[in-house]
Amino acid sequence: MSPAPSPDDVPDSLDDDAVVIRQAEQADLLDVFRIERVTFPQPWPYSAFESFLGERGFLVATVGTPPTVVGYTVSDTTPNYGRDIGHVKDLAVHPDARGQGLGRTLLHRALAALAAEGAALVKLEVRATNDAALSLYRDEGFEPLRRIPRYYDDGEDAYVMVLDLAEWTAGRGVATAATDANAELGADTDAGRPDLVADEDDR
């Protein structure tokens, strides 16, 4: 297994002003893949991340100079008869950067990007035993839609959770989030990929 970025590269505490969240670049992929490998028992292959390069929903959080990737999220939007569906496909935080709210910040930026793309509803899948992720998603307004038995390769069930994006935006007083994300992240794109694992271990 490839090692994650060295703990020496990740600060003990993250200053909000020091964290930069931006679209992922080719140079970020190895760090992203290493975090994926140490976070999930069913990790994405490197090629999956390559396929999302250039997509507005592939975001990384970096700290320091030179920048070190400490977290990332992948999301996209699927047209759906005028009520487009956003999908948070993957979200992870470096083990040494967890517990400081970075997962929540990445989720907020992913939702803002999906709003900018015109998504009305957002879905994700999460392991039924991932209590930290379930708590975060419920706190942000996601509701369980259904439980899928043996969704993961190891036989564990998954919850499909959904969020009304307009309600989330209005409820948090961030009505300009979509406009801000649109200005920051560029033109609309569509990954056009099948569903993959979405999970999250940081609060």
Protein backbone atom coordinates (compact mmCIF):
# COMPACT_ATOMS: atom_id res chain seq x y z
CA MET A 1 0.00 0.00 0.00
CA SER A 2 1.27 3.44 -0.86
CA PRO A 3 2.01 5.60 2.18
CA ALA A 4 -0.15 8.61 2.94
CA PRO A 5 1.47 12.04 3.01
CA SER A 6 3.87 12.20 5.95
CA PRO A 7 2.40 13.39 9.28
CA ASP A 8 5.23 15.93 9.31
CA ASP A 9 3.55 17.56 6.29
CA VAL A 10 0.21 18.00 8.07
CA PRO A 11 -0.10 20.66 10.82
CA ASP A 12 -1.43 19.64 14.24
CA SER A 13 -4.18 22.24 13.83
CA LEU A 14 -5.60 23.80 10.71
CA ASP A 15 -6.07 27.56 10.51
CA ASP A 16 -9.06 28.36 8.29
CA ASP A 17 -7.01 31.08 6.60
CA ALA A 18 -4.26 28.57 5.81
CA VAL A 19 -6.50 25.99 4.13
CA VAL A 20 -6.95 26.46 0.38
CA ILE A 21 -9.76 24.61 -1.40
CA ARG A 22 -9.45 24.52 -5.18
CA GLN A 23 -9.99 22.31 -8.19
CA ALA A 24 -7.73 19.28 -8.30
CA GLU A 25 -4.71 19.23 -10.59
CA GLN A 26 -2.61 16.41 -12.02
CA ALA A 27 0.09 17.03 -9.41
CA ASP A 28 -2.44 16.37 -6.61
CA LEU A 29 -3.45 12.90 -7.70
CA LEU A 30 -0.80 10.87 -5.91
CA ASP A 31 -1.58 12.50 -2.56
CA VAL A 32 -5.31 12.07 -3.19
CA PHE A 33 -4.83 8.40 -4.04
CA ARG A 34 -2.70 7.80 -0.95
CA ILE A 35 -5.35 9.33 1.32
CA GLU A 36 -8.01 7.24 -0.42
CA ARG A 37 -6.00 4.07 0.21
CA VAL A 38 -5.58 4.69 3.95
CA THR A 39 -9.19 5.84 4.42
CA PHE A 40 -11.40 3.29 2.68
CA PRO A 41 -11.41 -0.51 2.68
CA GLN A 42 -12.82 -0.33 -0.87
CA PRO A 43 -10.70 2.47 -2.43
CA TRP A 44 -11.12 3.97 -5.86
CA PRO A 45 -8.40 3.13 -8.40
CA TYR A 46 -6.00 5.90 -9.41
CA SER A 47 -7.60 5.98 -12.87
CA ALA A 48 -10.97 7.00 -11.37
CA PHE A 49 -9.45 10.21 -10.03
CA GLU A 50 -7.69 10.83 -13.33
CA SER A 51 -11.03 10.68 -15.10
CA PHE A 52 -12.39 13.52 -12.94
CA LEU A 53 -9.55 15.96 -13.61
CA GLY A 54 -10.97 19.20 -14.97
CA GLU A 55 -14.36 18.62 -13.35
CA ARG A 56 -15.56 21.45 -11.12
CA GLY A 57 -16.67 18.93 -8.50
CA PHE A 58 -13.19 17.46 -7.95
CA LEU A 59 -11.82 19.66 -5.16
CA VAL A 60 -8.78 19.37 -2.92
CA ALA A 61 -7.93 21.06 0.36
CA THR A 62 -4.26 22.01 0.74
CA VAL A 63 -2.10 23.58 3.42
CA GLY A 64 1.45 24.88 3.56
CA THR A 65 4.13 25.81 1.05
CA PRO A 66 4.66 23.81 -1.03
CA PRO A 67 1.00 22.77 -0.73
CA THR A 68 0.15 19.44 0.86
CA VAL A 69 -3.20 17.81 0.08
CA VAL A 70 -5.08 17.10 3.33
CA GLY A 71 -8.51 16.28 1.93
CA TYR A 72 -10.61 16.08 -1.22
CA THR A 73 -14.12 15.57 -2.54
CA VAL A 74 -15.55 14.39 -5.86
CA SER A 75 -19.07 15.22 -7.02
CA ASP A 76 -20.99 15.58 -10.27
CA THR A 77 -24.47 16.33 -11.62
CA THR A 78 -26.81 14.24 -13.77
CA PRO A 79 -29.64 15.83 -15.80
CA ASN A 80 -33.06 14.71 -14.61
CA TYR A 81 -35.99 16.31 -16.46
CA GLY A 82 -35.42 19.80 -15.10
CA ARG A 83 -34.60 18.67 -11.56
CA ASP A 84 -30.94 17.74 -11.86
CA ILE A 85 -29.42 15.37 -9.31
CA GLY A 86 -26.06 16.06 -7.71
CA HIS A 87 -23.98 13.17 -6.40
CA VAL A 88 -21.29 13.44 -3.73
CA LYS A 89 -19.26 10.43 -4.82
CA ASP A 90 -16.21 10.58 -2.56
CA LEU A 91 -14.97 12.65 0.37
CA ALA A 92 -11.97 11.98 2.58
CA VAL A 93 -9.63 13.77 4.97
CA HIS A 94 -6.04 12.86 5.84
CA PRO A 95 -6.01 10.94 9.16
CA ASP A 96 -3.84 13.60 10.82
CA ALA A 97 -6.19 16.42 9.77
CA ARG A 98 -9.44 14.90 11.01
CA GLY A 99 -11.56 16.24 13.83
CA GLN A 100 -11.06 19.88 12.82
CA GLY A 101 -14.11 20.40 10.62
CA LEU A 102 -12.34 20.00 7.30
CA GLY A 103 -14.75 17.29 6.16
CA ARG A 104 -17.67 19.61 6.78
CA THR A 105 -15.93 22.45 4.92
CA LEU A 106 -15.28 20.21 1.92
CA LEU A 107 -18.90 19.05 1.96
CA HIS A 108 -20.10 22.67 1.98
CA ARG A 109 -17.90 23.49 -1.02
CA ALA A 110 -19.12 20.39 -2.86
CA LEU A 111 -22.74 21.37 -2.26
CA ALA A 112 -22.04 24.93 -3.39
CA ALA A 113 -20.46 23.61 -6.61
CA LEU A 114 -23.46 21.35 -7.24
CA ALA A 115 -25.81 24.29 -6.67
CA ALA A 116 -23.81 26.27 -9.23
CA GLU A 117 -24.32 23.43 -11.71
CA GLY A 118 -28.09 23.64 -11.18
CA ALA A 119 -28.62 20.54 -9.02
CA ALA A 120 -31.90 20.53 -7.13
CA LEU A 121 -31.34 17.32 -5.17
CA VAL A 122 -28.11 15.80 -3.87
CA LYS A 123 -27.54 12.15 -3.05
CA LEU A 124 -24.71 10.11 -1.57
CA GLU A 125 -24.03 6.61 -0.29
CA VAL A 126 -22.50 5.92 3.11
CA ARG A 127 -21.65 2.79 5.07
CA ALA A 128 -24.34 1.83 7.54
CA THR A 129 -21.74 1.62 10.34
CA ASN A 130 -19.98 4.93 9.59
CA ASP A 131 -21.46 6.80 12.54
CA ALA A 132 -19.26 9.89 12.13
CA ALA A 133 -20.26 10.37 8.51
CA LEU A 134 -23.94 9.65 9.20
CA SER A 135 -23.93 12.26 11.97
CA LEU A 136 -22.32 14.86 9.73
CA TYR A 137 -24.70 14.25 6.84
CA ARG A 138 -27.78 14.30 9.06
CA ASP A 139 -26.57 17.52 10.65
CA GLU A 140 -26.34 19.09 7.20
CA GLY A 141 -29.89 18.04 6.35
CA PHE A 142 -29.41 14.77 4.47
CA GLU A 143 -32.17 12.23 5.07
CA PRO A 144 -32.00 8.45 4.53
CA LEU A 145 -33.89 7.36 1.42
CA ARG A 146 -33.24 3.63 1.52
CA ARG A 147 -30.83 0.99 2.75
CA ILE A 148 -29.03 -1.15 0.17
CA PRO A 149 -28.03 -4.60 1.50
CA ARG A 150 -24.45 -5.73 0.79
CA TYR A 151 -23.66 -2.61 -1.24
CA TYR A 152 -19.93 -2.80 -0.50
CA ASP A 153 -17.54 -5.57 -1.52
CA ASP A 154 -17.09 -6.66 2.09
CA GLY A 155 -20.85 -7.23 2.42
CA GLU A 156 -21.70 -4.12 4.42
CA ASP A 157 -24.95 -2.28 3.79
CA ALA A 158 -25.13 1.32 2.56
CA TYR A 159 -27.61 4.09 3.19
CA VAL A 160 -28.62 6.27 0.26
CA MET A 161 -29.13 9.76 1.68
CA VAL A 162 -30.67 12.76 -0.07
CA LEU A 163 -30.70 16.52 0.46
CA ASP A 164 -32.94 19.24 -0.97
CA LEU A 165 -30.26 21.68 -2.07
CA ALA A 166 -32.51 24.75 -2.14
CA GLU A 167 -33.57 24.12 1.47
CA TRP A 168 -29.97 23.59 2.55
CA THR A 169 -28.86 26.82 0.88
CA ALA A 170 -31.71 28.89 2.29
CA GLY A 171 -31.46 27.37 5.74
CA ARG A 172 -27.83 28.34 6.15
CA GLY A 173 -28.12 31.88 4.86
CA VAL A 174 -25.80 31.19 1.95
CA ALA A 175 -28.03 32.20 -0.93
CA THR A 176 -24.99 33.41 -2.87
CA ALA A 177 -23.11 30.11 -2.52
CA ALA A 178 -23.94 28.95 -6.04
CA THR A 179 -22.93 32.28 -7.54
CA ASP A 180 -19.67 32.31 -5.61
CA ALA A 181 -18.85 28.73 -6.57
CA ASN A 182 -19.68 29.44 -10.20
CA ALA A 183 -17.26 32.37 -10.24
CA GLU A 184 -14.51 30.40 -8.51
CA LEU A 185 -14.77 27.05 -10.28
CA GLY A 186 -15.51 27.89 -13.91
CA ALA A 187 -17.82 26.45 -16.52
CA ASP A 188 -20.29 23.59 -16.06
CA THR A 189 -19.09 20.06 -16.81
CA ASP A 190 -20.57 16.56 -16.59
CA ALA A 191 -18.50 13.56 -15.53
CA GLY A 192 -20.98 11.05 -16.92
CA ARG A 193 -19.72 8.21 -14.70
CA PRO A 194 -21.70 5.45 -12.98
CA ASP A 195 -22.23 5.57 -9.23
CA LEU A 196 -19.14 4.92 -7.14
CA VAL A 197 -18.53 4.70 -3.42
CA ALA A 198 -19.19 7.81 -1.34
CA ASP A 199 -18.06 7.81 2.25
CA GLU A 200 -16.62 10.23 4.81
CA ASP A 201 -14.76 9.80 8.09
CA ASP A 202 -14.19 13.34 9.36
CA ARG A 203 -16.44 15.73 11.30
